[in-house]
Protein backbone atom coordinates (compact mmCIF):
# COMPACT_ATOMS: atom_id res chain seq x y z
CA MET A 1 -20.21 12.63 -5.37
CA ALA A 2 -19.68 9.38 -7.27
CA LYS A 3 -22.68 10.15 -9.49
CA GLN A 4 -21.06 13.46 -10.43
CA PHE A 5 -17.83 11.66 -11.30
CA LYS A 6 -19.82 9.24 -13.47
CA GLU A 7 -21.49 12.16 -15.24
CA ALA A 8 -18.04 13.67 -15.82
CA GLY A 9 -16.92 10.50 -17.61
CA VAL A 10 -15.41 8.19 -14.99
CA ASP A 11 -15.79 4.65 -16.27
CA ILE A 12 -14.48 2.59 -13.31
CA PHE A 13 -14.25 3.16 -9.56
CA HIS A 14 -11.48 1.96 -7.24
CA VAL A 15 -13.42 1.76 -3.97
CA SER A 16 -11.83 2.09 -0.53
CA THR A 17 -13.11 3.54 2.71
CA GLY A 18 -9.60 3.75 4.10
CA GLY A 19 -7.85 1.15 6.14
CA GLU A 20 -5.77 2.93 8.71
CA GLY A 21 -6.71 3.32 12.34
CA LYS A 22 -8.73 1.22 14.74
CA PRO A 23 -12.15 -0.16 13.73
CA GLY A 24 -15.00 1.72 15.31
CA SER A 25 -18.39 3.27 14.68
CA LEU A 26 -17.06 5.36 11.78
CA LYS A 27 -14.75 2.74 10.27
CA PRO A 28 -15.41 -0.82 9.15
CA GLY A 29 -13.51 -3.73 10.69
CA ASN A 30 -10.18 -5.11 9.52
CA TYR A 31 -10.87 -8.60 8.20
CA PRO A 32 -10.44 -10.18 4.76
CA GLY A 33 -12.89 -8.61 2.33
CA TYR A 34 -14.09 -5.87 4.68
CA GLN A 35 -14.12 -3.29 1.87
CA VAL A 36 -15.95 -5.51 -0.64
CA PRO A 37 -19.52 -4.51 0.37
CA PHE A 38 -18.67 -0.89 -0.41
CA ALA A 39 -17.39 -1.81 -3.87
CA ARG A 40 -20.56 -3.86 -4.47
CA ALA A 41 -22.72 -0.89 -3.44
CA PHE A 42 -20.95 1.38 -5.96
CA LYS A 43 -21.35 -1.24 -8.68
CA GLU A 44 -25.06 -1.69 -8.01
CA GLU A 45 -25.83 2.01 -7.64
CA LEU A 46 -23.80 3.31 -10.58
CA GLY A 47 -23.82 0.39 -12.99
CA LEU A 48 -20.10 0.77 -13.59
CA PRO A 49 -17.20 -1.64 -13.04
CA VAL A 50 -15.46 -1.46 -9.69
CA ILE A 51 -12.11 -2.44 -8.23
CA ALA A 52 -12.38 -3.88 -4.71
CA VAL A 53 -9.73 -3.70 -2.00
CA GLY A 54 -9.50 -4.66 1.64
CA MET A 55 -7.21 -7.47 2.72
CA LEU A 56 -7.83 -9.55 -0.40
CA SER A 57 -4.44 -11.26 -0.17
CA ASN A 58 -6.01 -14.68 0.37
CA PRO A 59 -6.54 -16.11 -3.12
CA GLN A 60 -9.83 -17.77 -2.15
CA VAL A 61 -11.27 -14.48 -0.84
CA ALA A 62 -10.07 -12.66 -3.95
CA GLU A 63 -11.56 -15.32 -6.24
CA ALA A 64 -14.87 -15.31 -4.34
CA THR A 65 -15.07 -11.53 -4.66
CA LEU A 66 -14.79 -11.82 -8.42
CA SER A 67 -16.90 -14.97 -8.80
CA ASN A 68 -19.74 -13.55 -6.71
CA GLY A 69 -19.86 -10.46 -8.91
CA ASP A 70 -19.03 -8.21 -5.99
CA ALA A 71 -16.30 -6.54 -8.06
CA ASP A 72 -14.87 -6.63 -11.56
CA LEU A 73 -11.23 -6.32 -10.51
CA ILE A 74 -9.35 -6.56 -7.25
CA ALA A 75 -6.33 -4.72 -5.90
CA VAL A 76 -3.91 -6.70 -3.76
CA ALA A 77 -1.40 -4.06 -2.73
CA ARG A 78 -0.17 -5.45 0.58
CA GLY A 79 -0.23 -8.99 -0.75
CA ILE A 80 1.99 -8.04 -3.66
CA LEU A 81 4.30 -6.01 -1.43
CA ASN A 82 4.70 -9.14 0.68
CA ASP A 83 5.02 -11.48 -2.34
CA PRO A 84 5.90 -9.97 -5.72
CA TYR A 85 4.78 -13.25 -7.33
CA TRP A 86 1.40 -13.15 -5.60
CA SER A 87 -0.59 -13.50 -8.82
CA LEU A 88 1.32 -16.61 -9.93
CA HIS A 89 1.02 -18.16 -6.47
CA ALA A 90 -2.70 -17.32 -6.36
CA ILE A 91 -3.31 -18.95 -9.75
CA LYS A 92 -1.46 -22.05 -8.57
CA ASP A 93 -3.43 -22.09 -5.31
CA ILE A 94 -6.81 -21.80 -7.06
CA THR A 95 -6.23 -23.95 -10.17
CA ARG A 96 -3.46 -26.23 -8.82
CA GLU A 97 -1.35 -25.42 -11.88
CA VAL A 98 0.40 -22.42 -13.31
CA THR A 99 2.50 -21.72 -16.37
CA PRO A 100 4.81 -18.91 -15.35
CA PRO A 101 6.96 -16.99 -17.82
CA ILE A 102 10.16 -18.91 -18.56
CA GLN A 103 12.21 -16.39 -16.59
CA TYR A 104 10.20 -17.20 -13.43
CA ALA A 105 9.66 -20.95 -13.85
CA ARG A 106 12.46 -22.06 -11.54
CA GLY A 107 11.24 -19.76 -8.77
CA ILE A 108 7.61 -20.93 -8.75
CA ARG A 109 7.22 -24.09 -6.73
């Protein structure tokens, strides 16, 4: 089906196998990065950019996903629901420094 979408003009895939329910024979586990191999498979098979998901709230796991070339972008939905400043905190965690917008500077520690 993804090949047909590509032929129709899709230029990026947001890849998820679903994340609700208990892990089992038809569903992958629930651990950080568990969806990443599926995104990588789409990327390799279709030669198009992919967005990976799957418990990527840990900045190191998110960074590794991008650095390893497993995905071109990541989605951090639950992480951002939990922390609206997730991206600023992640940058600070990875680089040890961050320059937030002036409006946010006092709130980023």
